[in-house]
Amino acid sequence: MPATFISRLEHSGGGPRLAVKDAIDLFGVPTTVGSRVVARSAHPAATDAACLAGFRAAGARMVGKTNLHELCFGSTGVNPWFGTPTNPLDPARVPGGSSSGSAVAVAQGEADIALGTDTLGSIRTPAACCGVVGLKTTWGRISLEGVWPLAPSLDTVGPMGASVARVAQGMALLEPGFNGGGAVPRRIGRVRGLAADPVIDAAVDEALAQSGFTVVDVQLLGWGAAADVAVSLLLAEALASNRALVDDHLAELGPDLVERFRTARSLPRGAVGEALAIREAWRDDLAQVFREVELLALPAMAAFPARLDEEPPGPNRMAAPVSLAGHPALALPVPSTGPLPASIQLVGPDRSEDRLLVAGALVEGAVAAG
């Protein structure tokens, strides 16, 4: 079986083909979370996760459960137990995690829409690595009932697709009644002062220029601190969510997870409370910015995907501060002069997914025409 999927399903009917990350319960199929330890005792799910209700009602054809970084806990998408999905843009590079299989499934045309989860970039990172579109939804907007928890105060479910239109379709099925239309946003805050590859920065700037937005530079001095706090919060909550696995089976997990859980064990007492306090201040900072601009724009990743034989990168610091705030974000590919397309990340205030999708469609059309 190709490493894109952990389990394949026969499908029929006229609805869109849907691939589901194997952290989301799908009736009759075990949820393994990409872990051999979990897979050993996993039973077929008794019910669908709540987020699948709209897809079922629309007659979506379930094509399978997609592979992922073990326990949703990594940014490379490399999986030692079920194989690593092949990056369709460059097989020598990582596909991005943790929703690696979902990104590859839509990039290769094996699904029209794929569902992923995004905690600190787990939709946006593989979307950027594989040249597809991915939407991180507002924290709390989409039910997490039936979704394997990693860091509950950060976890979200969102759609991925080969185009903005497919992602908009996925959002409308995740939340029946969602209307992805509306006025085109015009005033975009371009986040500056982040350590990104100049080629990627230039690609983001060119895409914004071609799209006709009014672009104003924005400095977010708390970005680095927000990224650090988000990582600490992730580590602490991941340890709490997976306590039984860590206590009884730590040595049987992937070596990268062993290292992360050991780091989590060493966090100082009170780290979570401090992180949550900083989160509120960070949300206040962003609220001030969103009074001046309709959306923010920055790279979805600071660098092109690492090669499989390189030292893996750490958490995606272009994505983590957005997750800390809980805001929605859209990642979509734009042309670059580098080895692969770059990916632009558009960020909006809470529940602005409609605005993000309208802006994303404008960018997508402009760079295609350009």
Protein backbone atom coordinates (compact mmCIF):
# COMPACT_ATOMS: atom_id res chain seq x y z
CA MET A 1 0.00 0.00 0.00
CA PRO A 2 1.40 3.46 -0.87
CA ALA A 3 2.49 5.38 2.21
CA THR A 4 -0.07 8.11 1.50
CA PHE A 5 -2.80 6.01 3.11
CA ILE A 6 -2.85 3.84 6.22
CA SER A 7 -6.12 2.26 5.12
CA ARG A 8 -7.96 2.38 1.78
CA LEU A 9 -11.74 2.23 1.35
CA GLU A 10 -13.97 1.24 -1.52
CA HIS A 11 -16.20 4.15 -2.44
CA SER A 12 -19.19 4.83 -4.60
CA GLY A 13 -21.64 7.63 -5.18
CA GLY A 14 -21.53 11.05 -6.71
CA GLY A 15 -20.19 13.22 -3.90
CA PRO A 16 -16.64 14.57 -3.59
CA ARG A 17 -13.85 12.11 -2.82
CA LEU A 18 -12.76 12.67 0.77
CA ALA A 19 -9.54 11.51 2.45
CA VAL A 20 -9.51 11.61 6.24
CA LYS A 21 -6.40 12.01 8.38
CA ASP A 22 -5.98 8.94 10.57
CA ALA A 23 -6.41 11.01 13.71
CA ILE A 24 -10.11 11.54 12.92
CA ASP A 25 -12.57 8.72 13.65
CA LEU A 26 -14.27 7.20 10.62
CA PHE A 27 -16.99 4.65 11.30
CA GLY A 28 -15.81 1.07 10.96
CA VAL A 29 -12.10 1.92 10.59
CA PRO A 30 -9.51 1.86 13.40
CA THR A 31 -7.83 5.17 14.22
CA THR A 32 -4.07 4.54 14.53
CA VAL A 33 -2.72 8.11 14.65
CA GLY A 34 0.23 6.78 12.66
CA SER A 35 1.53 4.88 15.70
CA ARG A 36 2.32 1.17 15.86
CA VAL A 37 1.58 1.21 19.61
CA VAL A 38 -1.90 2.65 19.10
CA ALA A 39 -2.53 0.42 16.07
CA ARG A 40 -1.96 -2.76 18.12
CA SER A 41 -5.04 -2.16 20.25
CA ALA A 42 -7.13 0.07 17.97
CA HIS A 43 -10.70 -1.09 17.28
CA PRO A 44 -12.95 0.01 14.42
CA ALA A 45 -14.52 3.35 15.30
CA ALA A 46 -18.10 2.97 16.55
CA THR A 47 -19.12 6.33 15.07
CA ASP A 48 -17.81 9.05 12.82
CA ALA A 49 -16.11 12.09 14.29
CA ALA A 50 -18.60 14.95 14.51
CA CYS A 51 -16.79 16.91 11.79
CA LEU A 52 -17.76 14.29 9.17
CA ALA A 53 -21.52 14.80 9.47
CA GLY A 54 -21.75 17.31 6.63
CA PHE A 55 -19.67 15.12 4.33
CA ARG A 56 -21.90 12.12 5.00
CA ALA A 57 -25.01 14.17 4.34
CA ALA A 58 -23.54 15.33 1.01
CA GLY A 59 -22.75 11.78 -0.07
CA ALA A 60 -18.97 12.20 0.07
CA ARG A 61 -17.02 9.16 -1.09
CA MET A 62 -14.56 8.15 1.64
CA VAL A 63 -11.38 7.04 -0.11
CA GLY A 64 -9.34 6.22 2.99
CA LYS A 65 -7.50 7.23 6.14
CA THR A 66 -4.32 9.16 5.40
CA ASN A 67 -0.89 8.71 6.93
CA LEU A 68 0.61 11.29 9.26
CA HIS A 69 3.46 12.10 11.58
CA GLU A 70 3.06 9.79 14.58
CA LEU A 71 0.51 11.08 17.13
CA CYS A 72 0.22 14.29 15.03
CA PHE A 73 3.41 15.32 16.84
CA GLY A 74 5.92 16.48 14.23
CA SER A 75 6.43 18.85 11.33
CA THR A 76 8.25 16.61 8.81
CA GLY A 77 5.56 14.00 8.08
CA VAL A 78 8.17 11.24 8.30
CA ASN A 79 6.65 8.05 9.71
CA PRO A 80 8.90 5.09 10.65
CA TRP A 81 6.00 2.65 11.07
CA PHE A 82 3.73 3.18 8.06
CA GLY A 83 6.23 4.74 5.65
CA THR A 84 6.58 8.36 4.64
CA PRO A 85 4.24 9.85 2.01
CA THR A 86 6.20 10.94 -1.06
CA ASN A 87 6.43 14.68 -1.62
CA PRO A 88 4.96 15.06 -5.14
CA LEU A 89 7.07 18.14 -5.86
CA ASP A 90 10.40 16.52 -4.94
CA PRO A 91 10.58 12.94 -3.62
CA ALA A 92 13.90 13.75 -1.91
CA ARG A 93 12.19 16.25 0.42
CA VAL A 94 9.90 15.82 3.41
CA PRO A 95 6.15 16.06 2.73
CA GLY A 96 5.56 18.14 5.86
CA GLY A 97 3.64 17.22 8.96
CA SER A 98 1.73 16.26 10.60
CA SER A 99 -1.02 15.99 7.94
CA SER A 100 1.41 14.65 5.35
CA GLY A 101 -0.81 12.00 3.76
CA SER A 102 -3.72 14.42 3.41
CA ALA A 103 -1.56 16.93 1.51
CA VAL A 104 -0.14 14.24 -0.77
CA ALA A 105 -3.56 12.71 -1.44
CA VAL A 106 -4.97 15.95 -2.88
CA ALA A 107 -1.72 16.86 -4.64
CA GLN A 108 -1.74 13.52 -6.47
CA GLY A 109 -5.43 13.70 -7.33
CA GLU A 110 -6.39 10.75 -5.13
CA ALA A 111 -8.93 12.88 -3.25
CA ASP A 112 -10.84 16.06 -4.03
CA ILE A 113 -10.74 17.19 -0.40
CA ALA A 114 -8.71 15.91 2.53
CA LEU A 115 -9.19 16.63 6.20
CA GLY A 116 -6.22 17.38 8.39
CA THR A 117 -5.61 18.69 11.86
CA ASP A 118 -3.56 21.78 12.64
CA THR A 119 -2.05 22.37 16.08
CA LEU A 120 1.08 24.39 15.31
CA GLY A 121 0.95 24.26 11.53
CA SER A 122 0.04 20.65 10.77
CA ILE A 123 -2.17 21.65 7.82
CA ARG A 124 -0.25 24.70 6.64
CA THR A 125 3.19 23.06 6.72
CA PRO A 126 2.37 20.04 4.50
CA ALA A 127 0.31 22.29 2.23
CA ALA A 128 3.41 24.45 1.76
CA CYS A 129 5.70 21.46 1.28
CA CYS A 130 3.47 19.78 -1.31
CA GLY A 131 2.16 22.81 -3.21
CA VAL A 132 -1.50 22.58 -2.20
CA VAL A 133 -4.01 24.74 -0.32
CA GLY A 134 -4.79 24.24 3.36
CA LEU A 135 -7.07 26.06 5.80
CA LYS A 136 -6.45 26.21 9.55
CA THR A 137 -9.82 27.03 11.05
CA THR A 138 -10.55 29.26 14.03
CA TRP A 139 -9.90 27.38 17.27
CA GLY A 140 -13.20 26.02 18.58
CA ARG A 141 -15.16 26.57 15.37
CA ILE A 142 -15.13 22.91 14.23
CA SER A 143 -15.96 20.18 16.74
CA LEU A 144 -13.07 18.00 17.91
CA GLU A 145 -15.35 15.21 19.12
CA GLY A 146 -13.89 11.99 17.75
CA VAL A 147 -10.49 13.57 16.96
CA TRP A 148 -7.33 12.30 18.67
CA PRO A 149 -6.15 15.07 21.01
CA LEU A 150 -2.63 16.45 20.89
CA ALA A 151 -2.88 19.90 22.49
CA PRO A 152 -6.58 20.65 23.09
CA SER A 153 -6.13 24.41 23.50
CA LEU A 154 -4.46 24.56 20.06
CA ASP A 155 -5.97 21.66 18.04
CA THR A 156 -8.17 22.41 15.01
CA VAL A 157 -9.63 20.49 12.06
CA GLY A 158 -9.53 21.92 8.54
CA PRO A 159 -9.76 21.09 4.83
CA MET A 160 -7.02 20.70 2.23
CA GLY A 161 -7.34 20.68 -1.54
CA ALA A 162 -5.55 21.31 -4.80
CA SER A 163 -7.34 24.65 -5.18
CA VAL A 164 -8.98 27.33 -3.06
CA ALA A 165 -12.36 26.30 -4.49
CA ARG A 166 -11.91 22.75 -3.20
CA VAL A 167 -10.94 24.04 0.24
CA ALA A 168 -13.99 26.30 0.26
CA GLN A 169 -16.11 23.27 -0.62
CA GLY A 170 -14.51 21.37 2.24
CA MET A 171 -15.22 24.20 4.67
CA ALA A 172 -18.87 24.28 3.59
CA LEU A 173 -19.14 20.55 4.32
CA LEU A 174 -17.32 20.85 7.64
CA GLU A 175 -19.78 23.56 8.63
CA PRO A 176 -23.04 23.23 6.68
CA GLY A 177 -24.39 26.70 5.99
CA PHE A 178 -20.94 28.24 5.71
CA ASN A 179 -20.87 30.90 3.00
CA GLY A 180 -17.42 31.40 1.53
CA GLY A 181 -18.38 34.54 -0.37
CA GLY A 182 -18.25 38.18 0.59
CA ALA A 183 -16.39 41.39 -0.16
CA VAL A 184 -12.83 41.19 -1.40
CA PRO A 185 -10.44 42.36 1.32
CA ARG A 186 -8.12 45.08 0.09
CA ARG A 187 -5.87 46.25 2.90
CA ILE A 188 -3.29 43.60 3.79
CA GLY A 189 -0.66 43.85 6.49
CA ARG A 190 2.62 42.34 5.28
CA VAL A 191 4.41 40.99 8.34
CA ARG A 192 8.08 42.00 8.24
CA GLY A 193 11.13 41.25 10.36
CA LEU A 194 10.77 37.44 10.31
CA ALA A 195 13.71 35.22 9.43
CA ALA A 196 12.54 33.82 6.09
CA ASP A 197 14.44 32.79 2.96
CA PRO A 198 14.69 35.95 0.79
CA VAL A 199 13.46 33.96 -2.22
CA ILE A 200 10.30 33.01 -0.34
CA ASP A 201 9.82 36.57 0.93
CA ALA A 202 10.13 37.87 -2.63
CA ALA A 203 7.58 35.32 -3.89
CA VAL A 204 5.07 36.43 -1.24
CA ASP A 205 5.60 40.09 -2.13
CA GLU A 206 5.19 39.43 -5.84
CA ALA A 207 1.97 37.47 -5.29
CA LEU A 208 0.52 40.31 -3.22
CA ALA A 209 1.52 42.88 -5.85
CA GLN A 210 -0.06 40.86 -8.67
CA SER A 211 -3.28 40.54 -6.65
CA GLY A 212 -3.77 44.31 -6.42
CA PHE A 213 -4.01 44.59 -2.64
CA THR A 214 -3.08 47.71 -0.73
CA VAL A 215 -0.13 46.37 1.25
CA VAL A 216 1.21 48.00 4.39
CA ASP A 217 4.20 46.76 6.34
CA VAL A 218 3.52 45.46 9.83
CA GLN A 219 6.04 44.72 12.58
CA LEU A 220 4.94 42.24 15.23
CA LEU A 221 7.63 42.45 17.88
CA GLY A 222 6.05 39.67 19.93
CA TRP A 223 6.18 37.10 17.14
CA GLY A 224 9.27 35.23 18.36
CA ALA A 225 8.10 35.12 21.97
CA ALA A 226 4.67 33.88 20.83
CA ALA A 227 6.33 31.08 18.87
CA ASP A 228 8.35 30.02 21.92
CA VAL A 229 5.29 30.04 24.16
CA ALA A 230 3.24 28.09 21.61
CA VAL A 231 5.88 25.35 21.51
CA SER A 232 5.97 25.11 25.30
CA LEU A 233 2.19 24.88 25.43
CA LEU A 234 2.21 22.17 22.76
CA LEU A 235 4.79 20.11 24.64
CA ALA A 236 2.96 20.35 27.95
CA GLU A 237 -0.46 19.50 26.54
CA ALA A 238 0.90 16.73 24.30
CA LEU A 239 2.43 15.06 27.34
CA ALA A 240 -0.86 15.31 29.23
CA SER A 241 -2.89 14.00 26.28
CA ASN A 242 -0.61 11.01 25.77
CA ARG A 243 0.32 10.30 29.40
CA ALA A 244 -0.56 6.60 29.28
CA LEU A 245 1.45 6.02 26.11
CA VAL A 246 4.43 7.92 27.48
CA ASP A 247 4.35 6.15 30.85
CA ASP A 248 3.95 2.62 29.45
CA HIS A 249 5.34 2.65 25.90
CA LEU A 250 7.76 5.55 25.50
CA ALA A 251 10.56 3.40 24.06
CA GLU A 252 8.19 2.03 21.40
CA LEU A 253 7.44 5.44 19.95
CA GLY A 254 9.47 7.05 17.19
CA PRO A 255 12.83 8.45 18.34
CA ASP A 256 11.78 12.04 17.57
CA LEU A 257 8.72 11.65 19.78
CA VAL A 258 10.80 10.15 22.57
CA GLU A 259 12.97 13.27 22.51
CA ARG A 260 9.95 15.61 22.50
CA PHE A 261 8.22 13.88 25.38
CA ARG A 262 11.43 13.92 27.42
CA THR A 263 11.69 17.65 26.78
CA ALA A 264 8.07 18.03 27.85
CA ARG A 265 8.80 16.25 31.12
CA SER A 266 11.49 18.82 31.89
CA LEU A 267 9.24 21.87 31.51
CA PRO A 268 9.08 23.98 34.66
CA ARG A 269 6.01 23.83 36.85
CA GLY A 270 3.57 26.56 35.89
CA ALA A 271 4.62 26.64 32.22
CA VAL A 272 1.05 26.15 30.99
CA GLY A 273 -0.40 28.91 33.14
CA GLU A 274 2.28 31.33 31.99
CA ALA A 275 1.68 30.38 28.35
CA LEU A 276 -2.06 30.96 28.63
CA ALA A 277 -1.47 34.41 30.17
CA ILE A 278 0.89 35.34 27.34
CA ARG A 279 -1.67 34.08 24.83
CA GLU A 280 -4.19 36.66 25.98
CA ALA A 281 -1.66 39.49 25.64
CA TRP A 282 -0.72 38.20 22.18
CA ARG A 283 -4.35 38.14 21.09
CA ASP A 284 -4.67 41.73 22.28
CA ASP A 285 -1.63 42.72 20.19
CA LEU A 286 -3.12 41.13 17.07
CA ALA A 287 -6.52 42.69 17.73
CA GLN A 288 -4.86 46.10 17.54
CA VAL A 289 -3.32 45.20 14.17
CA PHE A 290 -6.63 43.90 12.78
CA ARG A 291 -8.18 47.30 13.45
CA GLU A 292 -5.83 48.69 10.79
CA VAL A 293 -5.75 45.85 8.22
CA GLU A 294 -8.20 43.20 7.08
CA LEU A 295 -5.71 40.34 6.85
CA LEU A 296 -2.06 39.62 7.50
CA ALA A 297 0.30 38.04 4.95
CA LEU A 298 3.58 36.22 5.49
CA PRO A 299 5.28 33.02 4.32
CA ALA A 300 3.61 29.77 5.36
CA MET A 301 7.14 28.39 5.87
CA ALA A 302 10.39 30.26 6.31
CA ALA A 303 12.37 27.82 4.17
CA PHE A 304 11.79 25.28 1.42
CA PRO A 305 11.10 21.72 2.63
CA ALA A 306 14.11 19.96 4.12
CA ARG A 307 15.64 17.00 2.35
CA LEU A 308 14.90 13.63 3.86
CA ASP A 309 18.60 13.07 4.59
CA GLU A 310 18.99 16.41 6.41
CA GLU A 311 18.60 17.19 10.09
CA PRO A 312 14.85 17.75 10.45
CA PRO A 313 13.68 21.29 11.17
CA GLY A 314 11.94 22.23 14.38
CA PRO A 315 8.39 23.57 14.71
CA ASN A 316 7.16 25.93 12.02
CA ARG A 317 7.69 29.37 13.56
CA MET A 318 5.73 31.04 10.77
CA ALA A 319 2.66 29.07 11.87
CA ALA A 320 2.96 28.67 15.65
CA PRO A 321 2.10 32.25 16.74
CA VAL A 322 -1.12 32.11 14.67
CA SER A 323 -2.10 28.91 16.47
CA LEU A 324 -1.37 30.47 19.85
CA ALA A 325 -3.84 33.23 19.03
CA GLY A 326 -6.39 30.73 17.73
CA HIS A 327 -6.95 32.69 14.50
CA PRO A 328 -7.67 31.10 11.11
CA ALA A 329 -5.07 31.00 8.34
CA LEU A 330 -4.92 29.92 4.71
CA ALA A 331 -1.78 28.58 3.03
CA LEU A 332 -1.58 28.44 -0.77
CA PRO A 333 1.22 28.02 -3.31
CA VAL A 334 2.71 30.92 -5.24
CA PRO A 335 5.48 30.85 -7.86
CA SER A 336 9.08 31.37 -6.77
CA THR A 337 12.54 31.46 -8.30
CA GLY A 338 13.62 28.74 -5.87
CA PRO A 339 13.59 24.94 -6.27
CA LEU A 340 9.86 24.68 -5.46
CA PRO A 341 6.86 26.97 -5.25
CA ALA A 342 6.68 29.12 -2.15
CA SER A 343 3.54 29.29 0.00
CA ILE A 344 1.82 32.43 1.17
CA GLN A 345 -0.01 32.42 4.50
CA LEU A 346 -3.00 34.71 4.93
CA VAL A 347 -4.16 35.23 8.52
CA GLY A 348 -7.39 36.78 9.72
CA PRO A 349 -9.20 37.47 12.98
CA ASP A 350 -11.47 34.86 14.54
CA ARG A 351 -14.11 33.39 12.22
CA SER A 352 -12.83 35.18 9.11
CA GLU A 353 -12.50 31.99 7.04
CA ASP A 354 -14.83 33.48 4.41
CA ARG A 355 -12.57 36.52 4.00
CA LEU A 356 -9.48 34.31 3.77
CA LEU A 357 -11.00 32.17 1.04
CA VAL A 358 -12.09 35.20 -1.02
CA ALA A 359 -8.58 36.66 -0.74
CA GLY A 360 -7.00 33.29 -1.47
CA ALA A 361 -9.05 32.90 -4.65
CA LEU A 362 -7.91 36.35 -5.77
CA VAL A 363 -4.24 35.47 -5.17
CA GLU A 364 -4.64 32.11 -6.87
CA GLY A 365 -6.15 33.67 -9.97
CA ALA A 366 -3.65 36.51 -10.11
CA VAL A 367 -0.54 34.33 -9.93
CA ALA A 368 -2.00 31.93 -12.49
CA ALA A 369 -2.63 34.80 -14.88
CA GLY A 370 0.75 36.34 -14.13
